Amino acid sequence: MNTVEFGLMYHSFETNITGMQLMMGFAQCAQDEEVKKYFTKGKELSKEILKQTEDILLGNHIQPPPHREAR
């Protein structure tokens, strides 16, 4: 993995962490049940992308940035 690829992976990681946290907050504030489900689905998608990105980084012996799991 070269420097450019690492930069893109890191940016993907940071973007998905931010998106996951935003969707979790929006889901908590949403009053419509369908909107809540939509944001919860987005949060789960971000978690999946984070897991895949983390696996790629670890596979290349690179420690991924720390993140807190959204509940």
Protein backbone atom coordinates (compact mmCIF):
# COMPACT_ATOMS: atom_id res chain seq x y z
CA MET A 1 0.00 0.00 0.00
CA ASN A 2 1.49 3.34 -0.97
CA THR A 3 1.08 6.72 0.69
CA VAL A 4 -1.74 7.90 -1.58
CA GLU A 5 -3.74 4.73 -1.01
CA PHE A 6 -3.20 5.00 2.73
CA GLY A 7 -4.39 8.61 2.67
CA LEU A 8 -7.56 7.63 0.86
CA MET A 9 -8.23 4.75 3.26
CA TYR A 10 -7.67 7.00 6.26
CA HIS A 11 -10.00 9.64 4.80
CA SER A 12 -12.65 6.96 4.20
CA PHE A 13 -12.29 5.84 7.81
CA GLU A 14 -12.64 9.35 9.24
CA THR A 15 -15.57 10.21 6.95
CA ASN A 16 -17.49 7.08 7.93
CA ILE A 17 -16.88 7.66 11.65
CA THR A 18 -18.32 11.16 11.34
CA GLY A 19 -21.24 9.96 9.22
CA MET A 20 -22.04 7.14 11.60
CA GLN A 21 -22.13 9.49 14.58
CA LEU A 22 -24.30 12.01 12.72
CA MET A 23 -26.78 9.33 11.63
CA MET A 24 -26.98 8.00 15.16
CA GLY A 25 -27.80 11.49 16.44
CA PHE A 26 -30.39 12.11 13.72
CA ALA A 27 -32.01 8.71 14.40
CA GLN A 28 -32.33 9.59 18.08
CA CYS A 29 -34.02 12.91 17.27
CA ALA A 30 -36.28 11.70 14.46
CA GLN A 31 -39.96 11.50 15.35
CA ASP A 32 -41.09 9.55 12.28
CA GLU A 33 -40.39 5.81 12.62
CA GLU A 34 -39.55 5.44 8.92
CA VAL A 35 -36.95 8.22 9.18
CA LYS A 36 -35.47 6.54 12.27
CA LYS A 37 -35.13 3.26 10.38
CA TYR A 38 -33.48 5.06 7.45
CA PHE A 39 -30.81 6.64 9.68
CA THR A 40 -30.28 3.41 11.60
CA LYS A 41 -29.75 1.58 8.31
CA GLY A 42 -27.20 4.24 7.30
CA LYS A 43 -25.39 3.85 10.62
CA GLU A 44 -25.15 0.08 10.09
CA LEU A 45 -23.82 0.62 6.56
CA SER A 46 -21.11 2.94 7.93
CA LYS A 47 -20.18 0.33 10.55
CA GLU A 48 -19.81 -2.28 7.81
CA ILE A 49 -17.62 0.03 5.71
CA LEU A 50 -15.47 0.79 8.77
CA LYS A 51 -14.99 -2.92 9.42
CA GLN A 52 -13.94 -3.55 5.81
CA THR A 53 -11.56 -0.59 5.80
CA GLU A 54 -10.09 -1.68 9.13
CA ASP A 55 -9.51 -5.19 7.74
CA ILE A 56 -7.67 -3.80 4.71
CA LEU A 57 -5.43 -1.62 6.87
CA LEU A 58 -4.68 -4.45 9.31
CA GLY A 59 -3.99 -6.77 6.38
CA ASN A 60 -1.26 -4.34 5.33
CA HIS A 61 0.15 -4.15 8.88
CA ILE A 62 -1.15 -0.62 9.45
CA GLN A 63 -2.93 0.24 12.69
CA PRO A 64 -6.29 1.87 11.86
CA PRO A 65 -7.31 5.07 13.68
CA PRO A 66 -9.10 4.42 16.97
CA HIS A 67 -12.85 4.85 16.96
CA ARG A 68 -15.69 4.33 19.36
CA GLU A 69 -18.43 1.95 18.38
CA ALA A 70 -21.78 3.71 17.96
CA ARG A 71 -24.53 1.98 19.90
